[in-house]
Structure formats: C-alpha cells, structure tokens
Amino acid sequence: MPNIAPIVGRLRKGLVMDLSVATGIGLGMGYWFWYGYHVPAVRHRDAFYAKIEEQRIANSRQ
C-alpha cells in the first residue's frame, strides 16, 4: 500500500482564499453601488432642489 501524504494547511488556504474573494467582490460591489447609483442619484436630487430654490428666489423678487 502506498503512503498518502496528509493534507496539511488546506483549510487555512481555503479560508484565506474565500475571505479574499469575498472582500474583493464586496468592495467592488460597494464601489459600483456608491459611484454607479448613489452619487448620480444624489446629484440628480440636488439639481432638482437647486432648480426649485432658483424658482423660489426668482418669484420672490417679482
């Protein structure tokens, strides 16, 4: 019967790989949400309220 070498450090390597991949994907999706959705939505909202404020100021001067 041939001797089979024990599997040493397999769990630790797998855990490190899983955590690295999860962190990378999580950060990537976080950046995508923040700069792909949140920031443009806030800019759109702020432009809307700036327009309303300009109209309010223009109407108060008349």
Protein backbone atom coordinates (compact mmCIF):
# COMPACT_ATOMS: atom_id res chain seq x y z
CA MET A 1 0.00 0.00 0.00
CA PRO A 2 1.43 3.39 -0.95
CA ASN A 3 1.71 6.05 1.70
CA ILE A 4 -0.56 9.02 1.11
CA ALA A 5 0.77 12.36 2.28
CA PRO A 6 -1.50 14.12 4.76
CA ILE A 7 -3.34 17.21 3.61
CA VAL A 8 -1.87 19.97 5.76
CA GLY A 9 -2.99 23.60 5.71
CA ARG A 10 -5.79 23.00 3.23
CA LEU A 11 -8.49 24.53 5.42
CA ARG A 12 -6.43 27.62 6.18
CA LYS A 13 -5.58 28.18 2.49
CA GLY A 14 -9.21 27.76 1.52
CA LEU A 15 -10.36 30.13 4.24
CA VAL A 16 -7.87 32.81 3.22
CA MET A 17 -8.90 32.43 -0.43
CA ASP A 18 -12.62 32.60 0.43
CA LEU A 19 -12.16 35.69 2.59
CA SER A 20 -10.01 37.39 -0.05
CA VAL A 21 -12.51 36.74 -2.82
CA ALA A 22 -15.46 37.80 -0.65
CA THR A 23 -13.71 41.00 0.39
CA GLY A 24 -12.77 41.82 -3.20
CA ILE A 25 -16.26 41.19 -4.52
CA GLY A 26 -17.83 43.10 -1.62
CA LEU A 27 -15.62 46.13 -2.16
CA GLY A 28 -16.19 46.03 -5.90
CA MET A 29 -19.96 45.91 -5.50
CA GLY A 30 -19.80 48.63 -2.86
CA TYR A 31 -17.92 50.93 -5.20
CA TRP A 32 -20.30 50.08 -8.02
CA PHE A 33 -23.33 50.96 -5.87
CA TRP A 34 -21.77 54.14 -4.48
CA TYR A 35 -20.37 55.64 -7.68
CA GLY A 36 -22.69 53.95 -10.17
CA TYR A 37 -26.02 54.56 -8.44
CA HIS A 38 -25.85 56.61 -5.25
CA VAL A 39 -23.69 59.56 -6.36
CA PRO A 40 -25.62 60.14 -9.64
CA ALA A 41 -28.94 59.89 -7.76
CA VAL A 42 -27.79 62.46 -5.20
CA ARG A 43 -26.58 64.80 -7.97
CA HIS A 44 -29.95 64.49 -9.71
CA ARG A 45 -31.80 65.20 -6.45
CA ASP A 46 -29.59 68.17 -5.61
CA ALA A 47 -30.06 69.63 -9.11
CA PHE A 48 -33.83 69.31 -8.69
CA TYR A 49 -33.84 71.16 -5.37
CA ALA A 50 -31.43 73.81 -6.69
CA LYS A 51 -33.84 74.44 -9.58
CA ILE A 52 -36.77 74.78 -7.17
CA GLU A 53 -34.74 77.17 -4.99
CA GLU A 54 -33.84 79.32 -8.01
CA GLN A 55 -37.52 79.48 -9.00
CA ARG A 56 -38.49 80.45 -5.46
CA ILE A 57 -35.90 83.25 -5.40
CA ALA A 58 -36.98 84.47 -8.85
CA ASN A 59 -40.64 84.53 -7.79
CA SER A 60 -39.88 86.41 -4.57
CA ARG A 61 -38.09 89.19 -6.49
CA GLN A 62 -41.11 89.93 -8.68
